[in-house]
C-alpha atoms as a PDB file:
ATOM      1  CA  MET A   1      15.071   0.862  -3.903  1.00  0.00           C
ATOM      2  CA  THR A   2      12.209  -1.612  -4.615  1.00  0.00           C
ATOM      3  CA  LEU A   3       8.850   0.607  -4.330  1.00  0.00           C
ATOM      4  CA  LEU A   4       5.250  -1.232  -4.213  1.00  0.00           C
ATOM      5  CA  TYR A   5       2.883   1.262  -5.670  1.00  0.00           C
ATOM      6  CA  LEU A   6      -0.766   0.371  -4.196  1.00  0.00           C
ATOM      7  CA  ASN A   7      -3.223   2.363  -6.466  1.00  0.00           C
ATOM      8  CA  SER A   8      -6.941   0.756  -5.421  1.00  0.00           C
ATOM      9  CA  ASP A   9      -7.844  -1.219  -2.698  1.00  0.00           C
ATOM     10  CA  GLN A  10      -7.702  -4.496  -5.302  1.00  0.00           C
ATOM     11  CA  MET A  11      -5.657  -5.930  -8.300  1.00  0.00           C
ATOM     12  CA  GLY A  12      -6.067  -5.427 -11.811  1.00  0.00           C
ATOM     13  CA  SER A  13      -9.643  -4.225 -13.375  1.00  0.00           C
ATOM     14  CA  GLY A  14     -13.109  -5.093 -13.971  1.00  0.00           C
ATOM     15  CA  ASP A  15     -14.580  -7.456 -11.187  1.00  0.00           C
ATOM     16  CA  GLU A  16     -14.266  -5.501  -7.539  1.00  0.00           C
ATOM     17  CA  THR A  17     -14.878  -8.876  -5.537  1.00  0.00           C
ATOM     18  CA  LEU A  18     -12.499 -10.213  -7.730  1.00  0.00           C
ATOM     19  CA  GLY A  19      -9.805  -7.421  -7.596  1.00  0.00           C
ATOM     20  CA  ARG A  20     -10.067  -7.302  -3.725  1.00  0.00           C
ATOM     21  CA  LYS A  21      -9.345 -10.844  -3.596  1.00  0.00           C
ATOM     22  CA  LEU A  22      -6.680 -10.932  -5.518  1.00  0.00           C
ATOM     23  CA  LEU A  23      -4.786  -7.934  -4.280  1.00  0.00           C
ATOM     24  CA  LYS A  24      -4.550 -10.168  -0.661  1.00  0.00           C
ATOM     25  CA  ILE A  25      -3.482 -13.566  -1.584  1.00  0.00           C
ATOM     26  CA  PHE A  26      -0.933 -11.097  -3.417  1.00  0.00           C
ATOM     27  CA  LEU A  27       0.575  -9.107  -0.076  1.00  0.00           C
ATOM     28  CA  GLY A  28       0.044 -12.106   1.862  1.00  0.00           C
ATOM     29  CA  LYS A  29       2.495 -14.384  -0.505  1.00  0.00           C
ATOM     30  CA  LEU A  30       4.588 -10.855  -1.396  1.00  0.00           C
ATOM     31  CA  ALA A  31       4.877 -11.272   2.570  1.00  0.00           C
ATOM     32  CA  ALA A  32       5.768 -14.663   3.246  1.00  0.00           C
ATOM     33  CA  SER A  33       8.182 -14.204   0.051  1.00  0.00           C
ATOM     34  CA  ALA A  34      11.597 -13.394   0.321  1.00  0.00           C
ATOM     35  CA  ILE A  35      11.614 -10.006  -1.545  1.00  0.00           C
ATOM     36  CA  PRO A  36      12.650  -7.205  -0.003  1.00  0.00           C
ATOM     37  CA  VAL A  37      10.477  -4.237  -0.119  1.00  0.00           C
ATOM     38  CA  ASP A  38      11.777  -0.973   1.175  1.00  0.00           C
ATOM     39  CA  LEU A  39       8.224   1.499   0.830  1.00  0.00           C
ATOM     40  CA  ILE A  40       4.825   1.440   0.336  1.00  0.00           C
ATOM     41  CA  GLY A  41       2.602   2.913  -1.291  1.00  0.00           C
ATOM     42  CA  CYS A  42      -0.755   3.892  -0.785  1.00  0.00           C
ATOM     43  CA  VAL A  43      -2.563   6.458  -2.662  1.00  0.00           C
ATOM     44  CA  ASN A  44      -6.479   6.794  -3.324  1.00  0.00           C
ATOM     45  CA  SER A  45      -8.520   3.983  -2.499  1.00  0.00           C
ATOM     46  CA  ALA A  46      -5.486   1.929  -1.643  1.00  0.00           C
ATOM     47  CA  VAL A  47      -5.629   4.111   1.539  1.00  0.00           C
ATOM     48  CA  ARG A  48      -8.032   1.177   2.344  1.00  0.00           C
ATOM     49  CA  LEU A  49      -5.310  -1.322   2.854  1.00  0.00           C
ATOM     50  CA  THR A  50      -3.587   1.348   6.188  1.00  0.00           C
ATOM     51  CA  THR A  51      -6.723   2.023   7.555  1.00  0.00           C
ATOM     52  CA  GLU A  52      -9.277   0.864   9.880  1.00  0.00           C
ATOM     53  CA  GLY A  53     -11.493  -1.906   7.925  1.00  0.00           C
ATOM     54  CA  SER A  54      -8.510  -3.096   6.370  1.00  0.00           C
ATOM     55  CA  GLU A  55      -8.552  -6.938   5.677  1.00  0.00           C
ATOM     56  CA  VAL A  56      -5.120  -7.285   4.629  1.00  0.00           C
ATOM     57  CA  ILE A  57      -3.403  -5.160   7.710  1.00  0.00           C
ATOM     58  CA  ASP A  58      -1.721  -8.604   8.956  1.00  0.00           C
ATOM     59  CA  SER A  59      -0.112  -8.846   5.384  1.00  0.00           C
ATOM     60  CA  LEU A  60       0.750  -4.873   5.504  1.00  0.00           C
ATOM     61  CA  ARG A  61       1.913  -5.452   8.948  1.00  0.00           C
ATOM     62  CA  ALA A  62       4.162  -8.294   8.185  1.00  0.00           C
ATOM     63  CA  LEU A  63       5.743  -6.924   5.184  1.00  0.00           C
ATOM     64  CA  GLN A  64       6.890  -3.655   7.927  1.00  0.00           C
ATOM     65  CA  ALA A  65       7.764  -5.780  10.134  1.00  0.00           C
ATOM     66  CA  CYS A  66      10.350  -6.639   7.526  1.00  0.00           C
ATOM     67  CA  GLY A  67      11.396  -3.420   6.795  1.00  0.00           C
ATOM     68  CA  ALA A  68       9.477  -1.563   4.972  1.00  0.00           C
ATOM     69  CA  ARG A  69       8.292   1.762   5.441  1.00  0.00           C
ATOM     70  CA  ILE A  70       4.488   2.606   4.443  1.00  0.00           C
ATOM     71  CA  ALA A  71       3.534   5.669   3.576  1.00  0.00           C
ATOM     72  CA  THR A  72      -1.006   6.432   2.885  1.00  0.00           C
ATOM     73  CA  CYS A  73      -1.166   9.473   0.860  1.00  0.00           C
ATOM     74  CA  ARG A  74      -2.761  12.276   3.211  1.00  0.00           C
ATOM     75  CA  THR A  75      -4.970  13.871   0.091  1.00  0.00           C
ATOM     76  CA  CYS A  76      -6.312  10.824  -0.464  1.00  0.00           C
ATOM     77  CA  LEU A  77      -7.435  10.245   3.696  1.00  0.00           C
ATOM     78  CA  GLU A  78      -8.846  12.932   3.487  1.00  0.00           C
ATOM     79  CA  HIS A  79     -10.917  13.005   0.510  1.00  0.00           C
ATOM     80  CA  HIS A  80     -12.187   9.294   1.801  1.00  0.00           C
ATOM     81  CA  GLY A  81     -12.740  10.778   5.564  1.00  0.00           C
ATOM     82  CA  LEU A  82     -10.221   8.555   6.827  1.00  0.00           C
ATOM     83  CA  GLU A  83      -7.582  10.533   8.387  1.00  0.00           C
ATOM     84  CA  ASP A  84      -8.068   9.405  11.584  1.00  0.00           C
ATOM     85  CA  LYS A  85      -8.377   5.833  10.821  1.00  0.00           C
ATOM     86  CA  LEU A  86      -4.380   4.997   9.438  1.00  0.00           C
ATOM     87  CA  LEU A  87      -3.444   1.832  11.450  1.00  0.00           C
ATOM     88  CA  LEU A  88       0.778   1.812   9.794  1.00  0.00           C
ATOM     89  CA  GLY A  89       2.870   3.445   8.389  1.00  0.00           C
ATOM     90  CA  GLU A  90       3.101   7.193   8.586  1.00  0.00           C
ATOM     91  CA  VAL A  91       0.948  10.089   6.100  1.00  0.00           C
ATOM     92  CA  GLY A  92       2.592  10.664   2.957  1.00  0.00           C
ATOM     93  CA  THR A  93       2.824  13.520   0.916  1.00  0.00           C
ATOM     94  CA  MET A  94       2.983  14.343  -3.108  1.00  0.00           C
ATOM     95  CA  GLU A  95       6.535  15.654  -2.800  1.00  0.00           C
ATOM     96  CA  MET A  96       7.756  11.991  -0.834  1.00  0.00           C
ATOM     97  CA  SER A  97       5.411  10.366  -4.305  1.00  0.00           C
ATOM     98  CA  ILE A  98       7.590  12.294  -6.427  1.00  0.00           C
ATOM     99  CA  GLN A  99      11.076  11.589  -4.837  1.00  0.00           C
ATOM    100  CA  ALA A 100      10.362   8.066  -3.637  1.00  0.00           C
ATOM    101  CA  MET A 101       9.003   7.568  -7.634  1.00  0.00           C
ATOM    102  CA  ALA A 102      12.286   8.976  -9.045  1.00  0.00           C
ATOM    103  CA  MET A 103      14.763   7.090  -6.910  1.00  0.00           C
ATOM    104  CA  ALA A 104      13.110   3.542  -7.497  1.00  0.00           C
ATOM    105  CA  ASP A 105      15.473   0.983  -8.296  1.00  0.00           C
ATOM    106  CA  LYS A 106      12.332  -0.995  -9.188  1.00  0.00           C
ATOM    107  CA  VAL A 107       8.377   0.005  -9.068  1.00  0.00           C
ATOM    108  CA  ILE A 108       6.082  -2.993  -8.484  1.00  0.00           C
ATOM    109  CA  ARG A 109       2.686  -2.554  -8.795  1.00  0.00           C
ATOM    110  CA  PRO A 110       0.251  -4.918  -9.573  1.00  0.00           C
END
């Protein structure tokens, strides 16, 4: 299983605008590639990627259409006040995160 682990709404650290731009490009290129992703786990500020206002929702929908399951952290959604703004995928738990990480053959973390 290949896990795409997103723990931020940006790629790398430093300039936030650049980080968001890089992640948007990364997800777009990944969605257009033939690289299989089985599960996308979104935690911390990455919950903004699967909720209303996301600039990468089309790329995530494309990955989902190719078979990727998308799970967004329940605790993180609640923390950011976004629990009723989820646009795709399912609400995940810490137990799911632990199991996915333990079972993954490959973890991609941009």
